[in-house]
Every structure is written in structure tokens, then in C-alpha cells.
C-alpha atoms as a PDB file:
ATOM      1  CA  MET A   1       6.898   2.879  15.428  1.00  0.00           C
ATOM      2  CA  LYS A   2       5.021   0.516  17.675  1.00  0.00           C
ATOM      3  CA  ALA A   3       3.175  -2.467  16.179  1.00  0.00           C
ATOM      4  CA  GLY A   4      -0.628  -2.285  16.312  1.00  0.00           C
ATOM      5  CA  LYS A   5      -0.746   1.484  16.885  1.00  0.00           C
ATOM      6  CA  VAL A   6      -4.116   2.942  15.826  1.00  0.00           C
ATOM      7  CA  ILE A   7      -3.584   5.955  13.567  1.00  0.00           C
ATOM      8  CA  ARG A   8      -7.175   6.780  12.547  1.00  0.00           C
ATOM      9  CA  THR A   9     -10.715   5.421  12.577  1.00  0.00           C
ATOM     10  CA  PHE A  10     -13.551   6.393  10.255  1.00  0.00           C
ATOM     11  CA  SER A  11     -16.711   5.109   8.623  1.00  0.00           C
ATOM     12  CA  ALA A  12     -16.473   4.043   4.993  1.00  0.00           C
ATOM     13  CA  LYS A  13     -19.088   5.249   2.512  1.00  0.00           C
ATOM     14  CA  ASP A  14     -20.989   2.012   3.042  1.00  0.00           C
ATOM     15  CA  GLY A  15     -21.104   2.558   6.828  1.00  0.00           C
ATOM     16  CA  ARG A  16     -18.501  -0.014   7.846  1.00  0.00           C
ATOM     17  CA  LYS A  17     -16.133   1.085  10.616  1.00  0.00           C
ATOM     18  CA  VAL A  18     -12.505   1.147   9.459  1.00  0.00           C
ATOM     19  CA  ILE A  19      -9.451   1.199  11.707  1.00  0.00           C
ATOM     20  CA  LEU A  20      -6.162   2.332  10.181  1.00  0.00           C
ATOM     21  CA  ARG A  21      -3.235   1.075  12.230  1.00  0.00           C
ATOM     22  CA  THR A  22       0.250  -0.272  12.019  1.00  0.00           C
ATOM     23  CA  LEU A  23       0.536  -3.974  11.477  1.00  0.00           C
ATOM     24  CA  LYS A  24       0.993  -6.552  14.223  1.00  0.00           C
ATOM     25  CA  TRP A  25       1.944 -10.212  14.452  1.00  0.00           C
ATOM     26  CA  GLU A  26      -1.682 -11.312  14.899  1.00  0.00           C
ATOM     27  CA  ASP A  27      -2.365 -10.102  11.325  1.00  0.00           C
ATOM     28  CA  LEU A  28      -0.467 -13.014   9.795  1.00  0.00           C
ATOM     29  CA  ASP A  29      -3.476 -15.041   8.601  1.00  0.00           C
ATOM     30  CA  ASP A  30      -5.286 -11.922   7.360  1.00  0.00           C
ATOM     31  CA  PHE A  31      -2.243 -10.795   5.360  1.00  0.00           C
ATOM     32  CA  LEU A  32      -1.879 -14.245   3.842  1.00  0.00           C
ATOM     33  CA  GLU A  33      -5.566 -14.248   2.887  1.00  0.00           C
ATOM     34  CA  LEU A  34      -5.307 -10.695   1.494  1.00  0.00           C
ATOM     35  CA  ILE A  35      -2.336 -11.312  -0.799  1.00  0.00           C
ATOM     36  CA  ASN A  36      -3.631 -14.651  -2.021  1.00  0.00           C
ATOM     37  CA  SER A  37      -7.124 -13.256  -2.642  1.00  0.00           C
ATOM     38  CA  LEU A  38      -5.535 -10.560  -4.842  1.00  0.00           C
ATOM     39  CA  PHE A  39      -3.694 -13.274  -6.771  1.00  0.00           C
ATOM     40  CA  ASP A  40      -6.927 -15.302  -7.180  1.00  0.00           C
ATOM     41  CA  GLU A  41      -8.730 -12.169  -8.355  1.00  0.00           C
ATOM     42  CA  ARG A  42      -5.978 -11.593 -10.931  1.00  0.00           C
ATOM     43  CA  ALA A  43      -5.557  -8.101  -9.539  1.00  0.00           C
ATOM     44  CA  ASN A  44      -2.746  -5.935 -10.859  1.00  0.00           C
ATOM     45  CA  ILE A  45      -0.064  -6.883  -8.359  1.00  0.00           C
ATOM     46  CA  CYS A  46       3.543  -7.850  -8.945  1.00  0.00           C
ATOM     47  CA  ARG A  47       3.068 -11.492  -7.941  1.00  0.00           C
ATOM     48  CA  ASN A  48       2.654 -14.379 -10.320  1.00  0.00           C
ATOM     49  CA  GLN A  49       2.036 -17.072  -7.708  1.00  0.00           C
ATOM     50  CA  LYS A  50       0.377 -17.506  -4.336  1.00  0.00           C
ATOM     51  CA  VAL A  51       2.306 -16.838  -1.149  1.00  0.00           C
ATOM     52  CA  SER A  52       2.985 -19.708   1.231  1.00  0.00           C
ATOM     53  CA  ARG A  53       2.477 -19.401   4.964  1.00  0.00           C
ATOM     54  CA  GLU A  54       6.244 -19.686   5.472  1.00  0.00           C
ATOM     55  CA  GLU A  55       6.867 -16.834   3.021  1.00  0.00           C
ATOM     56  CA  GLU A  56       4.289 -14.677   4.799  1.00  0.00           C
ATOM     57  CA  ILE A  57       5.817 -15.456   8.201  1.00  0.00           C
ATOM     58  CA  ASP A  58       9.210 -14.392   6.853  1.00  0.00           C
ATOM     59  CA  TRP A  59       7.773 -11.193   5.327  1.00  0.00           C
ATOM     60  CA  LEU A  60       5.810 -10.227   8.452  1.00  0.00           C
ATOM     61  CA  SER A  61       8.696 -10.832  10.844  1.00  0.00           C
ATOM     62  CA  LYS A  62      10.971  -8.633   8.720  1.00  0.00           C
ATOM     63  CA  ALA A  63       8.232  -6.013   8.291  1.00  0.00           C
ATOM     64  CA  LEU A  64       7.612  -5.760  12.050  1.00  0.00           C
ATOM     65  CA  SER A  65      11.327  -5.420  12.714  1.00  0.00           C
ATOM     66  CA  ARG A  66      11.670  -2.674  10.090  1.00  0.00           C
ATOM     67  CA  LEU A  67       8.543  -0.911  11.429  1.00  0.00           C
ATOM     68  CA  GLU A  68       9.878  -0.843  14.976  1.00  0.00           C
ATOM     69  CA  ARG A  69      13.233   0.527  13.744  1.00  0.00           C
ATOM     70  CA  ASP A  70      11.359   3.262  11.795  1.00  0.00           C
ATOM     71  CA  GLU A  71      12.855   2.084   8.501  1.00  0.00           C
ATOM     72  CA  VAL A  72       9.448   1.579   6.860  1.00  0.00           C
ATOM     73  CA  PHE A  73       5.945   2.687   7.779  1.00  0.00           C
ATOM     74  CA  TYR A  74       3.253   0.026   7.337  1.00  0.00           C
ATOM     75  CA  LEU A  75      -0.452   0.869   7.517  1.00  0.00           C
ATOM     76  CA  ALA A  76      -3.194  -1.775   7.626  1.00  0.00           C
ATOM     77  CA  ALA A  77      -6.929  -1.207   7.275  1.00  0.00           C
ATOM     78  CA  GLU A  78      -9.108  -3.348   9.515  1.00  0.00           C
ATOM     79  CA  VAL A  79     -12.861  -3.933   9.175  1.00  0.00           C
ATOM     80  CA  ASP A  80     -14.717  -6.243  11.574  1.00  0.00           C
ATOM     81  CA  ARG A  81     -11.401  -7.380  13.114  1.00  0.00           C
ATOM     82  CA  THR A  82     -10.049  -8.466   9.725  1.00  0.00           C
ATOM     83  CA  VAL A  83      -7.267  -6.791   7.728  1.00  0.00           C
ATOM     84  CA  ILE A  84      -8.676  -5.854   4.328  1.00  0.00           C
ATOM     85  CA  ALA A  85      -5.874  -3.615   3.044  1.00  0.00           C
ATOM     86  CA  ASN A  86      -2.178  -3.047   3.498  1.00  0.00           C
ATOM     87  CA  SER A  87       0.130  -0.210   2.517  1.00  0.00           C
ATOM     88  CA  GLU A  88       3.623   1.060   3.151  1.00  0.00           C
ATOM     89  CA  ILE A  89       6.070   3.895   2.770  1.00  0.00           C
ATOM     90  CA  ASN A  90       9.648   2.873   2.025  1.00  0.00           C
ATOM     91  CA  ARG A  91      12.223   5.617   2.503  1.00  0.00           C
ATOM     92  CA  ARG A  92      15.016   5.578  -0.054  1.00  0.00           C
ATOM     93  CA  THR A  93      18.318   4.758   1.582  1.00  0.00           C
ATOM     94  CA  SER A  94      21.118   6.504  -0.297  1.00  0.00           C
ATOM     95  CA  SER A  95      22.501   9.726   1.119  1.00  0.00           C
ATOM     96  CA  TYR A  96      21.188  11.702  -1.849  1.00  0.00           C
ATOM     97  CA  ASP A  97      17.556  10.561  -1.867  1.00  0.00           C
ATOM     98  CA  ARG A  98      16.590   9.898   1.765  1.00  0.00           C
ATOM     99  CA  HIS A  99      13.929  12.608   1.347  1.00  0.00           C
ATOM    100  CA  VAL A 100      12.048  10.341  -1.118  1.00  0.00           C
ATOM    101  CA  GLY A 101       9.556   7.667  -0.136  1.00  0.00           C
ATOM    102  CA  ALA A 102       7.908   4.979  -2.259  1.00  0.00           C
ATOM    103  CA  ILE A 103       4.303   4.005  -1.543  1.00  0.00           C
ATOM    104  CA  GLY A 104       2.560   0.706  -2.142  1.00  0.00           C
ATOM    105  CA  ILE A 105      -1.062  -0.163  -1.382  1.00  0.00           C
ATOM    106  CA  ALA A 106      -3.351  -3.179  -1.842  1.00  0.00           C
ATOM    107  CA  ILE A 107      -7.066  -3.406  -1.030  1.00  0.00           C
ATOM    108  CA  LYS A 108      -9.161  -6.566  -0.970  1.00  0.00           C
ATOM    109  CA  ASP A 109     -12.066  -6.914  -3.380  1.00  0.00           C
ATOM    110  CA  GLY A 110     -15.331  -5.834  -1.767  1.00  0.00           C
ATOM    111  CA  PHE A 111     -13.653  -2.914   0.033  1.00  0.00           C
ATOM    112  CA  ARG A 112     -12.880  -0.674  -2.932  1.00  0.00           C
ATOM    113  CA  ASN A 113     -14.864   2.374  -4.030  1.00  0.00           C
ATOM    114  CA  VAL A 114     -15.936   3.183  -0.444  1.00  0.00           C
ATOM    115  CA  GLU A 115     -13.163   5.739   0.330  1.00  0.00           C
ATOM    116  CA  ILE A 116     -10.872   3.322   2.193  1.00  0.00           C
ATOM    117  CA  GLY A 117      -8.095   3.719  -0.388  1.00  0.00           C
ATOM    118  CA  THR A 118      -8.397   7.506  -0.366  1.00  0.00           C
ATOM    119  CA  ARG A 119      -8.263   7.655   3.441  1.00  0.00           C
ATOM    120  CA  MET A 120      -5.278   5.315   3.487  1.00  0.00           C
ATOM    121  CA  MET A 121      -3.449   7.464   0.937  1.00  0.00           C
ATOM    122  CA  GLU A 122      -4.214  10.635   2.924  1.00  0.00           C
ATOM    123  CA  THR A 123      -2.869   8.944   6.063  1.00  0.00           C
ATOM    124  CA  LEU A 124       0.265   7.791   4.236  1.00  0.00           C
ATOM    125  CA  ILE A 125       0.866  11.351   3.025  1.00  0.00           C
ATOM    126  CA  GLU A 126       0.497  12.697   6.581  1.00  0.00           C
ATOM    127  CA  GLN A 127       2.899  10.045   7.861  1.00  0.00           C
ATOM    128  CA  ALA A 128       5.392  10.824   5.083  1.00  0.00           C
ATOM    129  CA  ARG A 129       5.439  14.453   6.192  1.00  0.00           C
ATOM    130  CA  ALA A 130       6.007  13.355   9.794  1.00  0.00           C
ATOM    131  CA  MET A 131       8.917  11.217   8.549  1.00  0.00           C
ATOM    132  CA  GLY A 132      10.466  14.320   6.965  1.00  0.00           C
ATOM    133  CA  LEU A 133       9.924  13.139   3.403  1.00  0.00           C
ATOM    134  CA  THR A 134       9.455  15.756   0.692  1.00  0.00           C
ATOM    135  CA  VAL A 135       8.792  13.522  -2.334  1.00  0.00           C
ATOM    136  CA  LEU A 136       6.532  10.490  -2.671  1.00  0.00           C
ATOM    137  CA  THR A 137       6.516   8.115  -5.624  1.00  0.00           C
ATOM    138  CA  LEU A 138       4.497   5.098  -6.634  1.00  0.00           C
ATOM    139  CA  SER A 139       4.076   2.888  -9.647  1.00  0.00           C
ATOM    140  CA  VAL A 140       0.848   1.500 -11.012  1.00  0.00           C
ATOM    141  CA  PHE A 141      -0.277  -0.734 -13.862  1.00  0.00           C
ATOM    142  CA  ALA A 142      -1.449   1.576 -16.670  1.00  0.00           C
ATOM    143  CA  ASN A 143      -4.749  -0.322 -16.944  1.00  0.00           C
ATOM    144  CA  ASN A 144      -5.653   0.271 -13.272  1.00  0.00           C
ATOM    145  CA  ALA A 145      -7.866   3.319 -13.825  1.00  0.00           C
ATOM    146  CA  ARG A 146      -9.467   3.089 -10.378  1.00  0.00           C
ATOM    147  CA  ALA A 147      -6.123   3.316  -8.570  1.00  0.00           C
ATOM    148  CA  ILE A 148      -4.858   6.087 -10.861  1.00  0.00           C
ATOM    149  CA  HIS A 149      -8.007   8.091 -10.067  1.00  0.00           C
ATOM    150  CA  VAL A 150      -7.426   7.738  -6.303  1.00  0.00           C
ATOM    151  CA  TYR A 151      -3.768   8.743  -6.631  1.00  0.00           C
ATOM    152  CA  GLU A 152      -4.658  11.813  -8.684  1.00  0.00           C
ATOM    153  CA  LYS A 153      -7.409  12.694  -6.198  1.00  0.00           C
ATOM    154  CA  VAL A 154      -4.824  12.963  -3.398  1.00  0.00           C
ATOM    155  CA  GLY A 155      -2.402  15.017  -5.494  1.00  0.00           C
ATOM    156  CA  PHE A 156      -0.147  12.591  -7.360  1.00  0.00           C
ATOM    157  CA  THR A 157       0.707  13.387 -10.968  1.00  0.00           C
ATOM    158  CA  GLN A 158       2.001  11.122 -13.696  1.00  0.00           C
ATOM    159  CA  THR A 159       5.716  11.751 -14.112  1.00  0.00           C
ATOM    160  CA  GLY A 160       6.822   8.727 -16.098  1.00  0.00           C
ATOM    161  CA  ASN A 161       5.871   5.690 -18.110  1.00  0.00           C
ATOM    162  CA  ILE A 162       7.764   2.475 -18.692  1.00  0.00           C
ATOM    163  CA  PRO A 163       6.310   0.855 -21.816  1.00  0.00           C
ATOM    164  CA  LYS A 164       5.633  -2.878 -21.645  1.00  0.00           C
ATOM    165  CA  SER A 165       6.989  -3.070 -18.102  1.00  0.00           C
ATOM    166  CA  PHE A 166       4.667  -5.912 -17.126  1.00  0.00           C
ATOM    167  CA  PHE A 167       3.763  -9.060 -19.058  1.00  0.00           C
ATOM    168  CA  LYS A 168       0.578 -10.521 -17.652  1.00  0.00           C
ATOM    169  CA  GLU A 169      -1.734 -13.142 -19.109  1.00  0.00           C
ATOM    170  CA  GLY A 170      -0.274 -12.820 -22.600  1.00  0.00           C
ATOM    171  CA  SER A 171      -0.288  -9.018 -22.795  1.00  0.00           C
ATOM    172  CA  TYR A 172       2.162  -6.234 -22.107  1.00  0.00           C
ATOM    173  CA  ILE A 173       1.079  -3.471 -19.733  1.00  0.00           C
ATOM    174  CA  ASP A 174       2.857  -0.170 -19.211  1.00  0.00           C
ATOM    175  CA  LYS A 175       3.961   0.939 -15.756  1.00  0.00           C
ATOM    176  CA  ILE A 176       3.004   4.480 -14.816  1.00  0.00           C
ATOM    177  CA  ILE A 177       5.205   6.358 -12.338  1.00  0.00           C
ATOM    178  CA  MET A 178       3.398   8.940 -10.221  1.00  0.00           C
ATOM    179  CA  THR A 179       4.863  11.549  -7.894  1.00  0.00           C
ATOM    180  CA  LYS A 180       3.652  13.935  -5.214  1.00  0.00           C
ATOM    181  CA  ILE A 181       5.781  16.775  -3.887  1.00  0.00           C
ATOM    182  CA  LEU A 182       4.983  17.398  -0.219  1.00  0.00           C
ATOM    183  CA  GLU A 183       4.782  21.060   0.746  1.00  0.00           C
END
């Protein structure tokens, strides 16, 4: 898919205009700010240190290449010309599970609880169908009630639990596996 392609626009609950689109090279600084702001916030992400500019350049160059080869679908949310959220669908690659996609999503503080996450998830589900996927999976920290609510709202169900999967700030946290069958 082409970089920077607008998929959908809408107004969030708080009135801000949101553009959902594929990522593009010009997003580099916004992506770096997004991931590092999540680390500073101590959000439930699978990173235990900040990302350097070099690491983000490497990630974005690989992501754009994979996007253009239709190996992965990346969706960014933009508000006031700034990327405030990022998500993806990774298709499994073995011959037996190419119908399965794994979703990941991250939203910057200050942009949650205004329907951006729900709209992104709905868009990811639509894109997964267009990709020919029939099963979507995701994993989430068990203590992330807000995210679990959004996932359930768009039709994901809890299908697994990995006890003590994460060790963060001196405590173990279970990983919940959620699944949606696309019809």
C-alpha cells in the first residue's frame, strides 16, 4: 500500500479532526515523540527504555518498505498535523496460518477516551478483511482495562492468558490474548 494514503477522517468526541492514514517518512519525529512519551508515561508497552532517533529511523525505513510490499498494514492517527497514535496488522507468515493477523495499537496520552482507539480498531478490522484475513489476535497487559474494553467493544474476546508474562516496576502482570473471527 502507498505511504501516506488517507483511509478515513472523522471528528473525535472532543471535536478534534482525526485523519487515519498509512504512515510516511515525514512522521519520523512524531513517531519518536509518541513512543518515548508512552515510555515516560509508564504506559503498558513492551519497551523498557527510550528509543533513539537512529532506532526509529531504522524501524520506520523497514516499516515503509514492508507497507509498500503489502507485508504489513500500518495505520497512523493524525490530529493537527501530528501523529498521536500508531497501529498495525502483521500477517502470519507460515503456510498454515497466513489467514491470521496480529494487531498492535498505541495512543498518546490526551487522545484516549475520545473514540480514536475504537475508530482505529474498526478501520484495522476493515483492512484485515480486505487483506483476506479471517482471524485477528492481539495481546494486552491484564491491568489495561481501558484497552480491553475497546477491544471487546469491537468484537474481540479473551481466548487466553499467560500468567506473569510481564515483569514491570517490581510486579508481575498477566498477558491476555484476545481474538476476533472475521465473518
